[in-house]
Protein backbone atom coordinates (compact mmCIF):
# COMPACT_ATOMS: atom_id res chain seq x y z
CA MET A 1 1.49 -6.86 -48.95
CA ARG A 2 -1.39 -8.28 -46.95
CA HIS A 3 -0.87 -11.76 -48.44
CA LEU A 4 2.86 -11.57 -47.71
CA THR A 5 2.16 -10.66 -44.08
CA VAL A 6 -0.25 -13.58 -43.71
CA LEU A 7 2.33 -15.94 -45.23
CA ILE A 8 5.08 -14.76 -42.86
CA LEU A 9 2.82 -15.09 -39.82
CA SER A 10 1.77 -18.58 -40.92
CA ILE A 11 5.39 -19.68 -41.26
CA LEU A 12 6.32 -18.26 -37.86
CA THR A 13 3.31 -19.88 -36.21
CA ALA A 14 4.14 -23.24 -37.73
CA GLN A 15 7.77 -22.98 -36.60
CA LEU A 16 6.76 -22.11 -33.05
CA SER A 17 4.25 -24.94 -32.87
CA TYR A 18 6.87 -27.51 -33.87
CA SER A 19 9.87 -26.06 -32.07
CA GLN A 20 8.45 -25.55 -28.58
CA ILE A 21 6.67 -27.63 -25.96
CA HIS A 22 3.41 -26.62 -24.38
CA GLU A 23 1.43 -27.45 -21.25
CA ILE A 24 -2.29 -27.10 -20.71
CA GLY A 25 -4.15 -28.10 -17.59
CA VAL A 26 -6.21 -27.26 -14.54
CA PHE A 27 -5.85 -25.59 -11.15
CA ALA A 28 -7.92 -26.66 -8.13
CA GLY A 29 -7.69 -25.44 -4.58
CA GLY A 30 -8.92 -22.65 -2.35
CA SER A 31 -8.81 -18.90 -1.83
CA ASN A 32 -8.61 -16.55 1.11
CA PHE A 33 -8.83 -12.77 1.42
CA ILE A 34 -6.64 -10.33 3.35
CA GLY A 35 -7.97 -6.81 3.77
CA ASP A 36 -10.14 -4.61 5.99
CA VAL A 37 -12.77 -7.29 6.66
CA GLY A 38 -12.26 -10.77 8.07
CA ALA A 39 -9.21 -12.67 9.22
CA THR A 40 -5.70 -11.68 8.21
CA ASP A 41 -4.15 -15.15 7.98
CA TYR A 42 -1.88 -15.31 4.95
CA ILE A 43 -2.60 -18.92 3.96
CA SER A 44 -6.05 -19.97 5.10
CA PRO A 45 -8.23 -21.10 2.16
CA ASN A 46 -11.94 -20.92 2.93
CA GLN A 47 -13.54 -20.96 -0.53
CA LEU A 48 -13.15 -23.19 -3.58
CA ALA A 49 -10.95 -21.93 -6.43
CA PHE A 50 -10.63 -23.61 -9.82
CA GLY A 51 -9.47 -22.74 -13.29
CA ALA A 52 -7.27 -23.49 -16.27
CA LEU A 53 -3.70 -22.63 -17.21
CA TYR A 54 -1.41 -22.75 -20.23
CA LYS A 55 2.39 -22.71 -20.31
CA TRP A 56 4.80 -22.21 -23.17
CA ASN A 57 8.13 -23.66 -22.04
CA ARG A 58 10.63 -21.33 -23.65
CA SER A 59 13.62 -23.09 -22.05
CA THR A 60 14.36 -25.66 -19.36
CA ARG A 61 14.43 -22.87 -16.78
CA HIS A 62 11.55 -20.55 -17.70
CA SER A 63 8.04 -20.60 -19.14
CA TYR A 64 5.49 -18.04 -20.24
CA ARG A 65 2.23 -18.73 -18.44
CA VAL A 66 -1.42 -17.66 -18.65
CA SER A 67 -4.20 -18.68 -16.26
CA LEU A 68 -7.91 -18.14 -15.70
CA ILE A 69 -9.19 -18.79 -12.16
CA PHE A 70 -12.67 -18.51 -10.66
CA SER A 71 -13.44 -18.26 -6.95
CA GLU A 72 -15.36 -16.39 -4.28
CA LEU A 73 -13.57 -14.18 -1.79
CA GLU A 74 -14.98 -14.25 1.72
CA GLY A 75 -14.23 -12.17 4.80
CA ILE A 76 -15.86 -12.72 8.22
CA ASP A 77 -14.88 -10.45 11.10
CA VAL A 78 -15.73 -12.94 13.83
CA ASN A 79 -13.06 -15.26 12.41
CA SER A 80 -10.41 -12.60 13.01
CA ASP A 81 -8.02 -12.40 15.97
CA ASP A 82 -8.62 -8.64 16.18
CA PRO A 83 -11.11 -7.85 19.00
CA ARG A 84 -12.23 -4.69 17.18
CA ARG A 85 -13.19 -6.65 14.07
CA ILE A 86 -14.94 -9.31 16.14
CA GLN A 87 -17.01 -6.61 17.83
CA ARG A 88 -17.79 -4.92 14.50
CA GLY A 89 -19.08 -8.15 12.97
CA TYR A 90 -18.86 -7.35 9.26
CA GLU A 91 -18.82 -10.11 6.65
CA PHE A 92 -18.82 -10.19 2.85
CA ALA A 93 -18.64 -12.56 -0.10
CA SER A 94 -17.67 -11.54 -3.62
CA ARG A 95 -17.33 -13.61 -6.79
CA ILE A 96 -14.03 -13.18 -8.59
CA MET A 97 -12.64 -14.08 -12.00
CA GLU A 98 -8.90 -13.61 -12.43
CA ILE A 99 -6.80 -13.54 -15.59
CA SER A 100 -3.06 -13.71 -14.98
CA ALA A 101 -0.03 -13.73 -17.29
CA GLY A 102 3.67 -13.81 -16.52
CA ILE A 103 6.85 -15.86 -16.27
CA GLU A 104 7.50 -19.03 -14.32
CA LEU A 105 11.14 -19.63 -13.29
CA THR A 106 12.35 -23.04 -12.11
CA PHE A 107 15.18 -23.55 -9.62
CA PHE A 108 16.54 -26.50 -11.62
CA ASP A 109 16.45 -27.56 -15.27
CA PHE A 110 13.05 -28.98 -16.19
CA ASP A 111 13.53 -30.64 -19.58
CA LEU A 112 10.33 -32.58 -20.23
CA HIS A 113 12.01 -34.59 -23.01
CA SER A 114 14.87 -35.86 -20.86
CA GLY A 115 13.15 -39.20 -20.27
CA VAL A 116 13.78 -39.14 -16.50
CA LYS A 117 11.63 -38.14 -13.57
CA LEU A 118 11.94 -34.43 -12.81
CA ALA A 119 11.16 -32.26 -9.81
CA THR A 120 11.87 -28.62 -9.01
CA PRO A 121 10.63 -25.67 -6.97
CA TYR A 122 9.55 -22.66 -9.01
CA LEU A 123 8.56 -19.00 -8.76
CA TYR A 124 5.86 -17.26 -10.75
CA SER A 125 5.10 -13.56 -11.16
CA GLY A 126 3.62 -11.21 -13.71
CA ILE A 127 0.41 -9.21 -13.83
CA SER A 128 -3.18 -10.09 -13.00
CA VAL A 129 -6.59 -8.52 -13.46
CA ALA A 130 -9.60 -9.66 -11.46
CA ASN A 131 -13.27 -8.91 -12.01
CA HIS A 132 -15.16 -8.64 -8.71
CA ASP A 133 -18.57 -7.59 -7.41
CA ASN A 134 -18.95 -4.05 -6.06
CA HIS A 135 -20.62 -3.54 -2.70
CA TYR A 136 -20.55 -1.49 0.51
CA PHE A 137 -21.77 -1.83 4.08
CA LEU A 138 -24.98 -0.14 5.18
CA ASN A 139 -25.92 -0.63 8.83
CA SER A 140 -23.35 -3.47 9.02
CA VAL A 141 -25.01 -5.31 6.12
CA GLN A 142 -23.30 -6.01 2.79
CA THR A 143 -25.18 -4.04 0.13
CA SER A 144 -24.65 -4.64 -3.57
CA GLU A 145 -23.97 -1.78 -5.97
CA ASN A 146 -25.24 -3.98 -8.83
CA ALA A 147 -21.99 -3.50 -10.70
CA SER A 148 -18.52 -4.98 -10.97
CA SER A 149 -14.98 -3.64 -11.33
CA TRP A 150 -11.55 -4.82 -12.49
CA ALA A 151 -8.68 -4.87 -10.00
CA PHE A 152 -5.14 -5.02 -11.37
CA GLY A 153 -2.52 -6.79 -9.31
CA ILE A 154 0.81 -8.55 -9.08
CA PRO A 155 0.79 -12.33 -8.53
CA MET A 156 3.64 -13.81 -6.48
CA ALA A 157 3.59 -17.60 -6.33
CA LEU A 158 5.88 -20.28 -4.95
CA GLY A 159 5.39 -23.87 -6.06
CA PHE A 160 6.84 -27.31 -6.53
CA LYS A 161 6.22 -29.48 -9.59
CA THR A 162 7.19 -32.94 -10.73
CA THR A 163 6.60 -35.20 -13.70
CA PHE A 164 3.80 -37.58 -12.82
CA ILE A 165 3.36 -40.09 -15.63
CA ASP A 166 4.16 -39.77 -19.33
CA GLY A 167 2.90 -36.39 -20.52
CA LEU A 168 1.61 -35.17 -17.13
CA VAL A 169 3.10 -32.70 -14.65
CA PHE A 170 1.77 -32.40 -11.08
CA GLY A 171 2.33 -29.26 -9.01
CA VAL A 172 1.54 -27.71 -5.63
CA GLU A 173 1.38 -23.91 -5.44
CA VAL A 174 0.65 -21.02 -3.09
CA GLY A 175 0.21 -17.66 -4.79
CA ALA A 176 -0.50 -14.28 -3.18
CA ARG A 177 -2.01 -11.46 -5.23
CA TYR A 178 -1.27 -7.87 -4.27
CA THR A 179 -3.93 -5.68 -5.86
CA PHE A 180 -3.95 -1.98 -6.65
CA SER A 181 -7.47 -1.74 -5.27
CA ASP A 182 -9.17 -1.30 -1.90
CA GLU A 183 -12.65 -2.11 -3.24
CA LEU A 184 -12.78 -5.90 -3.05
CA ASP A 185 -14.15 -6.05 0.52
CA GLY A 186 -16.50 -3.06 0.28
CA SER A 187 -14.39 -0.81 2.48
CA LEU A 188 -14.06 1.65 -0.42
CA PRO A 189 -17.32 1.83 -2.43
CA SER A 190 -16.79 2.33 -6.15
CA ASP A 191 -19.92 4.50 -6.55
CA PRO A 192 -19.12 8.11 -5.50
CA ALA A 193 -22.61 8.33 -4.03
CA ASN A 194 -21.62 5.71 -1.45
CA GLN A 195 -18.22 7.12 -0.51
CA GLN A 196 -19.62 8.17 2.87
CA TYR A 197 -19.64 4.49 3.86
CA ARG A 198 -15.91 3.94 3.38
CA PHE A 199 -13.89 2.61 6.31
CA GLY A 200 -10.63 0.89 7.18
CA ASN A 201 -7.03 1.77 6.34
CA ILE A 202 -7.08 3.62 3.02
CA ASN A 203 -3.29 3.22 2.70
CA ASN A 204 -3.43 -0.60 2.53
CA HIS A 205 -4.64 -2.30 -0.62
CA ASP A 206 -6.40 -5.67 -0.72
CA TRP A 207 -4.68 -9.03 -1.07
CA TYR A 208 -5.98 -12.49 -1.85
CA VAL A 209 -4.29 -15.89 -2.00
CA PHE A 210 -4.83 -18.98 -4.15
CA SER A 211 -3.53 -22.27 -2.72
CA GLY A 212 -3.88 -25.54 -4.58
CA ILE A 213 -2.64 -28.08 -7.05
CA THR A 214 -2.05 -28.04 -10.79
CA LEU A 215 -2.15 -30.88 -13.30
CA THR A 216 -0.97 -30.18 -16.83
CA TYR A 217 -0.64 -32.23 -20.00
CA THR A 218 2.41 -31.62 -22.17
CA PHE A 219 2.46 -31.64 -25.96
CA GLY A 220 4.62 -30.38 -28.81
CA GLU A 221 7.93 -31.35 -30.37
CA ASN A 222 11.20 -31.39 -28.46
CA PRO A 223 12.52 -27.80 -28.42
CA CYS A 224 16.15 -27.03 -29.06
CA TYR A 225 17.47 -25.63 -25.80
CA CYS A 226 20.64 -24.30 -27.35
CA PRO A 227 22.93 -21.93 -25.45
CA SER A 228 23.32 -18.56 -27.06
CA ASN A 229 26.64 -17.72 -28.63
């Protein structure tokens, strides 16, 4: 039974590898944080963000996508338009590593084997999980908890992509991440012993945004984009 299972999986894997087209490439751009510390501008990259992504183009209108992005989130109160934050003067920096997976939907058909130049806006969403440093503020100073946590979230990205030269696709993308955490900026310490130092609006979770460009290389045989019966 075990050998039969391995044989079936091998056949399926081979069929997928020859019947679909794939993209692998890089993301480069910037990040900005939106939460209880720092400015609240939605698109205002202030730290470098870079990573890698993979797409499996299931049809000319949608792809399954996975990405890994590294960055540092930064929040500085004096850069805010809120007088109360400016007076408070908090600031933090936290390294972040995000893994995201979901579906990318194009507005127009994007058949990479059509032989013509293509361009289309697209939307991306799915689920993300980000590893970040844990810290809190003690006497207005960022204090590390010497630990890290995972923050789950929902990525929501809008982009535009076009075929560049043979085998390459160039894209521009802005993607906001809504997280189910209020710990990224230190306003909600993860260690129960430091809960006395919590502050800010406990009803609002943290957001962060990646803005940048993508460059992917396409490979794989021409898939059969056949309409279902």
